[in-house]
Amino acid sequence: MNLTELMIRPMAESDLAAVTMIEQGTQEVPWNIAMFMDCLRVGYQGFVVEREEQVIGFAILASAAGESHILNLAVSPLEQRQGIGFWLMQQILSGLRQQGVNLVFLEVRASNVKAQKLYKKLKFSEIGQRKNYYQTKQGREDALVLSLNISNV
């Protein structure tokens, strides 16, 4: 996989079918298309990763007052384990730094070791937990709350 083939751009409504398909392939209890639409309508930042004009990943962020919260991020199951998630996060963090954002927050499932490794590689630190934060098919699951001060990176 050659990461130079990748392009990141703002998410458009026309991307939501592809984004929702990726979400359904990566989440036990996925967001639906209306949730993504609502994020765009209220002005959250949405980005997609494309290769050869095909959406293979996405991110949704809410930013205000020098802080940003990564609400959702995923890479197509067929494209995982190739460095795309790391590349996407690097692009997002660089863009946020240019916007004057200092702190970035996110939640990650306590069971999602793969994502936790990615965020640790990016120097995120665990700052807390949210009990029963994520819905699962069997009930609820805790989230780890992570943060990164990008003004120092």
C-alpha atoms as a PDB file:
ATOM      1  CA  MET A   1       0.000   0.000   0.000  1.00  0.00           C
ATOM      2  CA  ASN A   2       1.441   3.322  -1.080  1.00  0.00           C
ATOM      3  CA  LEU A   3       0.160   6.068   1.223  1.00  0.00           C
ATOM      4  CA  THR A   4       0.967   8.705  -1.411  1.00  0.00           C
ATOM      5  CA  GLU A   5      -2.076   7.399  -3.303  1.00  0.00           C
ATOM      6  CA  LEU A   6      -4.327   8.667  -0.509  1.00  0.00           C
ATOM      7  CA  MET A   7      -6.204  11.934  -0.467  1.00  0.00           C
ATOM      8  CA  ILE A   8      -8.070  13.560   2.403  1.00  0.00           C
ATOM      9  CA  ARG A   9     -10.890  16.002   1.767  1.00  0.00           C
ATOM     10  CA  PRO A  10     -13.951  17.444   3.516  1.00  0.00           C
ATOM     11  CA  MET A  11     -16.863  15.038   3.817  1.00  0.00           C
ATOM     12  CA  ALA A  12     -19.890  15.852   1.631  1.00  0.00           C
ATOM     13  CA  GLU A  13     -23.461  14.583   1.851  1.00  0.00           C
ATOM     14  CA  SER A  14     -22.753  12.550  -1.293  1.00  0.00           C
ATOM     15  CA  ASP A  15     -20.166  10.570   0.735  1.00  0.00           C
ATOM     16  CA  LEU A  16     -22.588   9.455   3.423  1.00  0.00           C
ATOM     17  CA  ALA A  17     -23.642   6.172   1.798  1.00  0.00           C
ATOM     18  CA  ALA A  18     -19.983   5.066   1.565  1.00  0.00           C
ATOM     19  CA  VAL A  19     -19.206   6.360   5.066  1.00  0.00           C
ATOM     20  CA  THR A  20     -22.198   4.488   6.496  1.00  0.00           C
ATOM     21  CA  MET A  21     -21.065   1.268   4.773  1.00  0.00           C
ATOM     22  CA  ILE A  22     -17.614   1.606   6.371  1.00  0.00           C
ATOM     23  CA  GLU A  23     -19.233   2.311   9.744  1.00  0.00           C
ATOM     24  CA  GLN A  24     -21.439  -0.788   9.431  1.00  0.00           C
ATOM     25  CA  GLY A  25     -18.377  -2.895   8.641  1.00  0.00           C
ATOM     26  CA  THR A  26     -16.378  -1.670  11.618  1.00  0.00           C
ATOM     27  CA  GLN A  27     -18.804  -1.097  14.501  1.00  0.00           C
ATOM     28  CA  GLU A  28     -20.887  -3.517  16.517  1.00  0.00           C
ATOM     29  CA  VAL A  29     -23.597  -0.856  16.942  1.00  0.00           C
ATOM     30  CA  PRO A  30     -22.979   1.530  14.032  1.00  0.00           C
ATOM     31  CA  TRP A  31     -24.122   5.087  13.486  1.00  0.00           C
ATOM     32  CA  ASN A  32     -26.790   5.357  10.803  1.00  0.00           C
ATOM     33  CA  ILE A  33     -26.786   7.747   7.855  1.00  0.00           C
ATOM     34  CA  ALA A  34     -29.045  10.226   9.696  1.00  0.00           C
ATOM     35  CA  MET A  35     -26.479  10.560  12.497  1.00  0.00           C
ATOM     36  CA  PHE A  36     -23.749  11.427   9.994  1.00  0.00           C
ATOM     37  CA  MET A  37     -26.111  13.860   8.262  1.00  0.00           C
ATOM     38  CA  ASP A  38     -26.852  15.559  11.593  1.00  0.00           C
ATOM     39  CA  CYS A  39     -23.112  15.955  12.272  1.00  0.00           C
ATOM     40  CA  LEU A  40     -22.621  17.741   8.956  1.00  0.00           C
ATOM     41  CA  ARG A  41     -25.734  19.899   9.449  1.00  0.00           C
ATOM     42  CA  VAL A  42     -24.601  21.193  12.861  1.00  0.00           C
ATOM     43  CA  GLY A  43     -21.188  22.098  11.455  1.00  0.00           C
ATOM     44  CA  TYR A  44     -18.949  19.337  12.753  1.00  0.00           C
ATOM     45  CA  GLN A  45     -15.857  18.750  10.642  1.00  0.00           C
ATOM     46  CA  GLY A  46     -16.066  15.638   8.526  1.00  0.00           C
ATOM     47  CA  PHE A  47     -13.250  14.216   6.425  1.00  0.00           C
ATOM     48  CA  VAL A  48     -12.964  11.282   4.067  1.00  0.00           C
ATOM     49  CA  VAL A  49      -9.906   9.406   2.855  1.00  0.00           C
ATOM     50  CA  GLU A  50      -9.997   8.432  -0.779  1.00  0.00           C
ATOM     51  CA  ARG A  51      -7.883   6.233  -2.974  1.00  0.00           C
ATOM     52  CA  GLU A  52      -8.662   6.255  -6.681  1.00  0.00           C
ATOM     53  CA  GLU A  53     -11.816   8.280  -5.939  1.00  0.00           C
ATOM     54  CA  GLN A  54     -13.162   5.594  -3.596  1.00  0.00           C
ATOM     55  CA  VAL A  55     -13.899   6.464   0.042  1.00  0.00           C
ATOM     56  CA  ILE A  56     -11.938   4.100   2.283  1.00  0.00           C
ATOM     57  CA  GLY A  57     -12.005   5.953   5.605  1.00  0.00           C
ATOM     58  CA  PHE A  58     -13.493   8.886   7.470  1.00  0.00           C
ATOM     59  CA  ALA A  59     -13.398  11.034  10.582  1.00  0.00           C
ATOM     60  CA  ILE A  60     -15.909  13.321  12.332  1.00  0.00           C
ATOM     61  CA  LEU A  61     -14.694  16.028  14.742  1.00  0.00           C
ATOM     62  CA  ALA A  62     -16.247  18.750  16.867  1.00  0.00           C
ATOM     63  CA  SER A  63     -13.951  21.709  17.544  1.00  0.00           C
ATOM     64  CA  ALA A  64     -14.360  24.845  19.648  1.00  0.00           C
ATOM     65  CA  ALA A  65     -12.327  27.097  21.935  1.00  0.00           C
ATOM     66  CA  GLY A  66      -8.940  25.574  21.113  1.00  0.00           C
ATOM     67  CA  GLU A  67     -10.088  21.997  21.652  1.00  0.00           C
ATOM     68  CA  SER A  68     -11.279  19.240  19.364  1.00  0.00           C
ATOM     69  CA  HIS A  69     -13.147  16.023  20.059  1.00  0.00           C
ATOM     70  CA  ILE A  70     -12.816  13.155  17.598  1.00  0.00           C
ATOM     71  CA  LEU A  71     -16.310  11.699  17.584  1.00  0.00           C
ATOM     72  CA  ASN A  72     -15.905   8.907  15.054  1.00  0.00           C
ATOM     73  CA  LEU A  73     -13.112   7.525  12.907  1.00  0.00           C
ATOM     74  CA  ALA A  74     -12.912   4.361  10.831  1.00  0.00           C
ATOM     75  CA  VAL A  75     -11.087   2.725   7.940  1.00  0.00           C
ATOM     76  CA  SER A  76     -12.772   0.172   5.695  1.00  0.00           C
ATOM     77  CA  PRO A  77     -12.171  -3.371   6.996  1.00  0.00           C
ATOM     78  CA  LEU A  78     -10.590  -4.309   3.639  1.00  0.00           C
ATOM     79  CA  GLU A  79      -8.084  -1.448   3.983  1.00  0.00           C
ATOM     80  CA  GLN A  80      -7.062  -1.881   7.631  1.00  0.00           C
ATOM     81  CA  ARG A  81      -3.566  -2.792   8.864  1.00  0.00           C
ATOM     82  CA  GLN A  82      -1.893  -0.725   6.122  1.00  0.00           C
ATOM     83  CA  GLY A  83      -1.180   2.488   8.035  1.00  0.00           C
ATOM     84  CA  ILE A  84      -4.202   4.382   6.706  1.00  0.00           C
ATOM     85  CA  GLY A  85      -5.665   5.094  10.161  1.00  0.00           C
ATOM     86  CA  PHE A  86      -2.314   6.432  11.376  1.00  0.00           C
ATOM     87  CA  TRP A  87      -1.952   8.542   8.223  1.00  0.00           C
ATOM     88  CA  LEU A  88      -5.499   9.891   8.630  1.00  0.00           C
ATOM     89  CA  MET A  89      -4.866  10.829  12.260  1.00  0.00           C
ATOM     90  CA  GLN A  90      -1.604  12.575  11.313  1.00  0.00           C
ATOM     91  CA  GLN A  91      -3.446  14.615   8.671  1.00  0.00           C
ATOM     92  CA  ILE A  92      -6.203  15.536  11.132  1.00  0.00           C
ATOM     93  CA  LEU A  93      -3.798  16.514  13.903  1.00  0.00           C
ATOM     94  CA  SER A  94      -1.738  18.631  11.510  1.00  0.00           C
ATOM     95  CA  GLY A  95      -4.860  20.431  10.285  1.00  0.00           C
ATOM     96  CA  LEU A  96      -6.100  21.020  13.821  1.00  0.00           C
ATOM     97  CA  ARG A  97      -2.718  22.417  14.850  1.00  0.00           C
ATOM     98  CA  GLN A  98      -2.930  24.875  11.920  1.00  0.00           C
ATOM     99  CA  GLN A  99      -6.401  25.912  13.144  1.00  0.00           C
ATOM    100  CA  GLY A 100      -4.971  26.762  16.569  1.00  0.00           C
ATOM    101  CA  VAL A 101      -6.343  23.714  18.382  1.00  0.00           C
ATOM    102  CA  ASN A 102      -4.256  22.719  21.404  1.00  0.00           C
ATOM    103  CA  LEU A 103      -6.073  19.753  22.946  1.00  0.00           C
ATOM    104  CA  VAL A 104      -7.629  16.752  21.222  1.00  0.00           C
ATOM    105  CA  PHE A 105      -9.915  14.294  22.997  1.00  0.00           C
ATOM    106  CA  LEU A 106     -11.503  11.001  22.006  1.00  0.00           C
ATOM    107  CA  GLU A 107     -13.125   7.919  23.466  1.00  0.00           C
ATOM    108  CA  VAL A 108     -12.183   4.384  22.517  1.00  0.00           C
ATOM    109  CA  ARG A 109     -13.825   1.112  23.479  1.00  0.00           C
ATOM    110  CA  ALA A 110     -12.037  -0.607  26.345  1.00  0.00           C
ATOM    111  CA  SER A 111     -12.006  -3.774  24.195  1.00  0.00           C
ATOM    112  CA  ASN A 112     -10.594  -2.082  21.071  1.00  0.00           C
ATOM    113  CA  VAL A 113      -6.922  -2.889  21.578  1.00  0.00           C
ATOM    114  CA  LYS A 114      -6.094  -2.220  17.913  1.00  0.00           C
ATOM    115  CA  ALA A 115      -7.322   1.388  18.115  1.00  0.00           C
ATOM    116  CA  GLN A 116      -5.686   1.892  21.513  1.00  0.00           C
ATOM    117  CA  LYS A 117      -2.321   0.915  19.989  1.00  0.00           C
ATOM    118  CA  LEU A 118      -2.851   3.424  17.191  1.00  0.00           C
ATOM    119  CA  TYR A 119      -3.619   6.254  19.612  1.00  0.00           C
ATOM    120  CA  LYS A 120      -0.695   5.333  21.871  1.00  0.00           C
ATOM    121  CA  LYS A 121       1.614   5.451  18.829  1.00  0.00           C
ATOM    122  CA  LEU A 122       0.282   8.979  18.220  1.00  0.00           C
ATOM    123  CA  LYS A 123       1.150   9.878  21.864  1.00  0.00           C
ATOM    124  CA  PHE A 124      -2.412  10.091  23.228  1.00  0.00           C
ATOM    125  CA  SER A 125      -2.668   9.559  27.002  1.00  0.00           C
ATOM    126  CA  GLU A 126      -5.486   7.953  28.941  1.00  0.00           C
ATOM    127  CA  ILE A 127      -7.088  10.552  31.214  1.00  0.00           C
ATOM    128  CA  GLY A 128     -10.158   8.682  32.413  1.00  0.00           C
ATOM    129  CA  GLN A 129     -12.961   6.233  31.745  1.00  0.00           C
ATOM    130  CA  ARG A 130     -16.627   6.522  30.919  1.00  0.00           C
ATOM    131  CA  LYS A 131     -18.553   3.631  32.433  1.00  0.00           C
ATOM    132  CA  ASN A 132     -21.107   1.964  30.148  1.00  0.00           C
ATOM    133  CA  TYR A 133     -20.441   4.549  27.423  1.00  0.00           C
ATOM    134  CA  TYR A 134     -20.753   2.380  24.322  1.00  0.00           C
ATOM    135  CA  GLN A 135     -23.767   0.322  23.388  1.00  0.00           C
ATOM    136  CA  THR A 136     -23.093  -3.306  22.451  1.00  0.00           C
ATOM    137  CA  LYS A 137     -25.365  -6.064  21.248  1.00  0.00           C
ATOM    138  CA  GLN A 138     -25.161  -7.564  24.756  1.00  0.00           C
ATOM    139  CA  GLY A 139     -25.512  -4.314  26.743  1.00  0.00           C
ATOM    140  CA  ARG A 140     -22.911  -1.615  27.436  1.00  0.00           C
ATOM    141  CA  GLU A 141     -19.127  -1.265  27.394  1.00  0.00           C
ATOM    142  CA  ASP A 142     -16.734   1.183  29.057  1.00  0.00           C
ATOM    143  CA  ALA A 143     -14.783   3.769  27.097  1.00  0.00           C
ATOM    144  CA  LEU A 144     -11.277   4.994  27.747  1.00  0.00           C
ATOM    145  CA  VAL A 145     -10.967   8.777  27.455  1.00  0.00           C
ATOM    146  CA  LEU A 146      -7.758   9.850  25.750  1.00  0.00           C
ATOM    147  CA  SER A 147      -6.203  13.263  25.187  1.00  0.00           C
ATOM    148  CA  LEU A 148      -3.292  14.771  23.315  1.00  0.00           C
ATOM    149  CA  ASN A 149      -1.793  18.242  23.649  1.00  0.00           C
ATOM    150  CA  ILE A 150      -0.858  18.951  20.026  1.00  0.00           C
ATOM    151  CA  SER A 151       0.698  22.322  20.762  1.00  0.00           C
ATOM    152  CA  ASN A 152       3.691  20.388  22.165  1.00  0.00           C
ATOM    153  CA  VAL A 153       3.982  17.779  19.396  1.00  0.00           C
END
